[in-house]
Protein backbone atom coordinates (compact mmCIF):
# COMPACT_ATOMS: atom_id res chain seq x y z
CA MET A 1 -0.62 -16.54 0.47
CA GLU A 2 0.00 -15.21 -3.05
CA ARG A 3 2.21 -17.51 -5.09
CA GLY A 4 5.48 -15.94 -6.24
CA MET A 5 8.18 -16.53 -8.84
CA LYS A 6 11.88 -15.82 -9.25
CA ALA A 7 12.80 -12.98 -11.60
CA ALA A 8 15.88 -10.97 -12.66
CA ILE A 9 14.98 -7.32 -12.11
CA TYR A 10 16.88 -4.29 -13.41
CA ARG A 11 17.19 -2.02 -10.36
CA GLY A 12 19.41 0.62 -11.93
CA ILE A 13 22.73 1.07 -13.69
CA GLY A 14 24.73 -2.15 -13.37
CA GLU A 15 22.29 -3.70 -10.90
CA LEU A 16 20.40 -6.91 -11.69
CA HIS A 17 18.68 -8.47 -8.68
CA ILE A 18 17.26 -11.99 -8.45
CA GLU A 19 14.11 -11.61 -6.39
CA SER A 20 10.78 -13.24 -5.62
CA VAL A 21 7.85 -11.34 -7.14
CA PRO A 22 4.15 -12.12 -7.76
CA ILE A 23 3.25 -14.12 -10.85
CA PRO A 24 1.58 -11.76 -13.38
CA LYS A 25 -2.22 -11.85 -13.39
CA LEU A 26 -4.48 -11.78 -16.42
CA GLU A 27 -6.07 -8.32 -16.56
CA GLN A 28 -7.33 -7.94 -20.14
CA PRO A 29 -9.47 -10.37 -22.18
CA ASN A 30 -6.60 -10.78 -24.68
CA ASP A 31 -3.91 -11.45 -22.07
CA VAL A 32 -1.82 -14.64 -22.27
CA LEU A 33 0.29 -15.93 -19.37
CA ILE A 34 3.30 -17.97 -20.46
CA LYS A 35 5.52 -20.26 -18.41
CA VAL A 36 9.05 -19.50 -19.58
CA LEU A 37 11.08 -22.49 -20.77
CA LEU A 38 14.08 -20.54 -22.07
CA CYS A 39 14.96 -16.86 -22.38
CA SER A 40 18.26 -16.12 -24.11
CA ILE A 41 20.52 -13.15 -23.45
CA CYS A 42 20.42 -10.47 -26.16
CA GLY A 43 23.20 -7.98 -26.82
CA THR A 44 20.70 -5.35 -25.68
CA ASP A 45 20.54 -7.01 -22.25
CA VAL A 46 24.34 -6.87 -22.04
CA HIS A 47 24.39 -3.20 -23.09
CA MET A 48 21.84 -2.37 -20.38
CA MET A 49 24.11 -3.89 -17.74
CA ASN A 50 27.17 -1.91 -18.83
CA VAL A 51 28.42 0.83 -16.51
CA PRO A 52 27.59 3.33 -17.87
CA PRO A 53 24.87 1.64 -19.98
CA THR A 54 24.85 2.01 -23.76
CA PHE A 55 21.12 1.20 -23.76
CA GLU A 56 18.75 1.71 -20.85
CA ALA A 57 15.72 -0.15 -19.56
CA LYS A 58 13.01 1.25 -17.34
CA GLN A 59 14.11 0.91 -13.73
CA ASN A 60 12.58 -2.01 -11.78
CA THR A 61 11.74 -3.92 -14.97
CA ILE A 62 12.25 -7.67 -15.44
CA LEU A 63 14.67 -8.00 -18.37
CA GLY A 64 14.63 -10.56 -21.20
CA HIS A 65 12.77 -10.72 -24.50
CA GLU A 66 14.01 -13.75 -26.50
CA ILE A 67 11.53 -16.27 -25.15
CA VAL A 68 10.11 -19.73 -25.73
CA GLY A 69 7.47 -20.98 -23.32
CA ILE A 70 4.22 -22.82 -22.70
CA VAL A 71 0.83 -21.11 -22.44
CA SER A 72 -0.24 -21.32 -18.80
CA SER A 73 -3.54 -19.41 -18.90
CA VAL A 74 -5.48 -17.20 -21.31
CA GLY A 75 -7.96 -14.32 -21.17
CA SER A 76 -11.61 -14.73 -22.08
CA SER A 77 -11.25 -13.48 -25.69
CA VAL A 78 -8.14 -15.47 -26.66
CA THR A 79 -8.73 -17.92 -29.52
CA SER A 80 -5.43 -18.31 -31.40
CA VAL A 81 -3.60 -20.17 -28.62
CA LYS A 82 -4.68 -22.48 -25.82
CA ILE A 83 -3.30 -23.72 -22.52
CA GLY A 84 -0.42 -26.11 -23.15
CA ASP A 85 0.66 -24.63 -26.49
CA ARG A 86 4.40 -24.07 -26.87
CA VAL A 87 5.00 -20.56 -28.20
CA VAL A 88 7.48 -17.83 -29.05
CA ILE A 89 6.83 -14.11 -28.52
CA ASN A 90 7.15 -10.91 -30.53
CA PRO A 91 8.42 -8.71 -27.68
CA ASN A 92 7.62 -5.34 -29.29
CA GLU A 93 3.93 -4.44 -29.14
CA ASN A 94 3.00 -1.40 -31.23
CA CYS A 95 -0.20 0.53 -30.57
CA GLU A 96 -1.59 0.36 -34.17
CA VAL A 97 -3.18 3.82 -33.88
CA CYS A 98 -0.38 6.41 -33.69
CA LYS A 99 0.85 8.32 -36.76
CA TYR A 100 3.73 5.94 -37.46
CA CYS A 101 1.68 2.77 -37.03
CA ARG A 102 -0.87 4.16 -39.50
CA LEU A 103 1.95 4.98 -41.94
CA GLY A 104 3.09 1.36 -41.81
CA ARG A 105 6.17 2.11 -39.74
CA PRO A 106 5.37 0.29 -36.48
CA ASN A 107 9.05 0.27 -35.46
CA HIS A 108 8.63 4.03 -34.86
CA CYS A 109 5.45 3.59 -32.76
CA THR A 110 5.26 6.40 -30.20
CA ASN A 111 3.54 4.09 -27.71
CA MET A 112 5.73 1.03 -28.15
CA LYS A 113 5.69 -1.54 -25.35
CA ALA A 114 9.08 -3.25 -25.45
CA MET A 115 9.18 -6.42 -23.37
CA GLY A 116 12.16 -6.52 -21.03
CA ILE A 117 12.83 -2.82 -21.58
CA THR A 118 9.69 -0.74 -20.90
CA HIS A 119 7.70 -3.52 -19.24
CA ASP A 120 8.41 -6.89 -17.65
CA GLY A 121 10.09 -9.57 -19.73
CA GLY A 122 11.18 -13.18 -19.66
CA PHE A 123 14.02 -13.43 -17.14
CA ALA A 124 11.39 -14.93 -14.87
CA GLU A 125 9.33 -18.07 -14.42
CA TYR A 126 6.28 -16.49 -16.08
CA VAL A 127 5.63 -13.60 -18.45
CA LYS A 128 2.40 -11.96 -19.59
CA THR A 129 1.72 -10.52 -23.03
CA ALA A 130 -1.07 -9.85 -25.52
CA GLU A 131 -2.49 -12.61 -27.73
CA LYS A 132 -1.33 -10.90 -30.95
CA GLN A 133 2.29 -11.15 -29.76
CA VAL A 134 2.20 -14.94 -29.29
CA PHE A 135 2.96 -17.54 -31.97
CA PRO A 136 2.56 -21.33 -31.61
CA ILE A 137 5.52 -23.42 -32.75
CA SER A 138 5.98 -26.97 -33.99
CA SER A 139 6.74 -29.77 -31.58
CA ASP A 140 9.57 -30.72 -33.95
CA LEU A 141 11.44 -27.54 -32.99
CA SER A 142 13.58 -27.84 -29.86
CA ASP A 143 13.49 -25.16 -27.15
CA LYS A 144 17.14 -24.26 -27.76
CA HIS A 145 16.39 -23.61 -31.43
CA ALA A 146 12.99 -21.97 -30.90
CA VAL A 147 14.53 -19.37 -28.58
CA PHE A 148 16.31 -17.93 -31.63
CA ALA A 149 13.00 -17.00 -33.29
CA GLU A 150 13.11 -13.34 -32.22
CA PRO A 151 16.70 -12.53 -33.28
CA LEU A 152 16.23 -14.51 -36.50
CA ALA A 153 13.10 -12.48 -37.24
CA CYS A 154 15.17 -9.30 -36.80
CA ALA A 155 17.75 -10.51 -39.32
CA ILE A 156 15.15 -11.67 -41.85
CA ASN A 157 13.25 -8.39 -41.55
CA GLY A 158 16.39 -6.32 -42.09
CA TYR A 159 17.48 -8.48 -45.01
CA SER A 160 14.07 -8.26 -46.69
CA LEU A 161 14.17 -4.45 -46.56
CA LEU A 162 17.38 -4.43 -48.62
CA GLY A 163 15.90 -6.25 -51.60
CA ILE A 164 19.05 -8.33 -52.14
CA LYS A 165 18.84 -10.51 -55.25
CA PRO A 166 20.38 -13.95 -55.78
CA LEU A 167 24.02 -13.78 -56.96
CA SER A 168 24.49 -10.41 -55.22
CA GLU A 169 27.77 -10.02 -53.38
CA VAL A 170 27.39 -9.28 -49.69
CA VAL A 171 29.87 -8.40 -46.95
CA ILE A 172 28.75 -9.02 -43.36
CA ILE A 173 30.58 -7.00 -40.71
CA GLY A 174 30.42 -8.83 -37.37
CA CYS A 175 30.11 -12.57 -36.78
CA GLY A 176 28.06 -12.61 -33.61
CA PRO A 177 24.70 -14.43 -33.66
CA ILE A 178 22.92 -11.72 -35.69
CA GLY A 179 25.76 -11.36 -38.19
CA LEU A 180 25.90 -15.10 -38.78
CA MET A 181 22.12 -15.23 -39.16
CA PHE A 182 22.40 -12.55 -41.84
CA ALA A 183 25.21 -14.51 -43.50
CA MET A 184 23.34 -17.82 -43.49
CA TYR A 185 20.10 -16.23 -44.69
CA ALA A 186 21.91 -14.41 -47.49
CA LYS A 187 23.59 -17.65 -48.59
CA PHE A 188 20.26 -19.49 -48.37
CA ASN A 189 18.80 -16.88 -50.73
CA GLY A 190 21.54 -17.29 -53.29
CA ALA A 191 23.88 -14.41 -52.44
CA HIS A 192 27.67 -14.68 -52.33
CA VAL A 193 28.87 -13.86 -48.83
CA ILE A 194 32.10 -13.00 -47.04
CA CYS A 195 32.50 -11.86 -43.43
CA VAL A 196 34.63 -9.43 -41.45
CA GLU A 197 35.34 -10.23 -37.79
CA PRO A 198 38.32 -9.39 -35.51
CA ASN A 199 37.46 -11.88 -32.74
CA ALA A 200 39.25 -15.18 -33.35
CA SER A 201 36.63 -17.44 -31.77
CA ARG A 202 33.78 -15.83 -33.70
CA SER A 203 35.81 -15.89 -36.88
CA ALA A 204 36.36 -19.62 -36.35
CA VAL A 205 32.61 -20.21 -36.13
CA SER A 206 32.09 -18.21 -39.32
CA GLU A 207 34.74 -20.25 -41.14
CA LYS A 208 33.20 -23.48 -39.84
CA LEU A 209 29.90 -22.40 -41.40
CA GLY A 210 31.66 -22.00 -44.73
CA PHE A 211 32.22 -18.22 -44.91
CA SER A 212 35.57 -16.70 -45.87
CA THR A 213 36.32 -14.34 -42.98
CA ALA A 214 38.91 -11.58 -42.58
CA ASP A 215 40.27 -9.74 -39.55
CA PRO A 216 39.91 -5.99 -40.27
CA TYR A 217 42.99 -5.21 -38.15
CA SER A 218 45.33 -7.50 -40.06
CA SER A 219 43.79 -7.57 -43.54
CA ASP A 220 43.04 -5.06 -46.27
CA ILE A 221 39.29 -5.54 -46.48
CA GLU A 222 39.00 -3.87 -49.88
CA GLN A 223 41.58 -6.27 -51.34
CA PHE A 224 39.93 -9.21 -49.52
CA THR A 225 36.61 -8.26 -51.12
CA LEU A 226 38.12 -7.85 -54.60
CA LYS A 227 39.89 -11.19 -54.31
CA SER A 228 36.73 -12.94 -53.09
CA PHE A 229 34.23 -11.42 -55.51
CA GLY A 230 36.30 -9.99 -58.34
CA SER A 231 34.65 -6.65 -57.55
CA LEU A 232 33.53 -4.60 -54.59
CA ALA A 233 30.39 -5.67 -52.72
CA ASP A 234 26.84 -4.90 -53.81
CA TYR A 235 25.73 -4.75 -50.18
CA VAL A 236 27.44 -4.34 -46.81
CA ILE A 237 25.54 -5.28 -43.64
CA ASP A 238 26.87 -3.87 -40.37
CA ALA A 239 26.04 -6.37 -37.63
CA ALA A 240 28.81 -5.30 -35.27
CA GLY A 241 26.51 -3.67 -32.74
């Protein structure tokens, strides 16, 4: 009898079913099968479960793309990871040959394979991906911290595109996980940072991390910025979704 696994499958608008499905099989020489240790819930996953959805996945796809796991088996050509390695995953696999990939804009790849959206992801016991998408991690890094690798990479990538210099003054709109990652990374790189967030619990986390934070519904954000910086901001990052 074929061994199965539990998985959370998107069956259509507002429908997420926990079902038993076959464990993915290695099909290509560069395939890597990973036993999932943790898969966190992205805002995208939440949007896909809205009724109506504000972002859609392919029907009958296993959701989840923020993953830390252990390599369970590898294809014949895999050399960069081995069975037993603890890894994180880049969930977006670009084709490398379309017009946009060749122009150095892989985020616009016309053949993008987006894990947990266009093909099966990590809300399961096992997930399969290509070797180039897999990155070994240090044993010093806990699973609960390693699972943030993918969203942190998104924030660092976005920040790097802005070319923000040390001592720049930056306003972050939204103090969810991505917004706070932007804020902490900006501070780490020498920028002056303030935050804007209407949700009291998220604002409290921001303040605990050392960021002056204003509620846009009860504060004049322009005056808050002028008071904080002595001028208006050099950069504003919208992380409010």
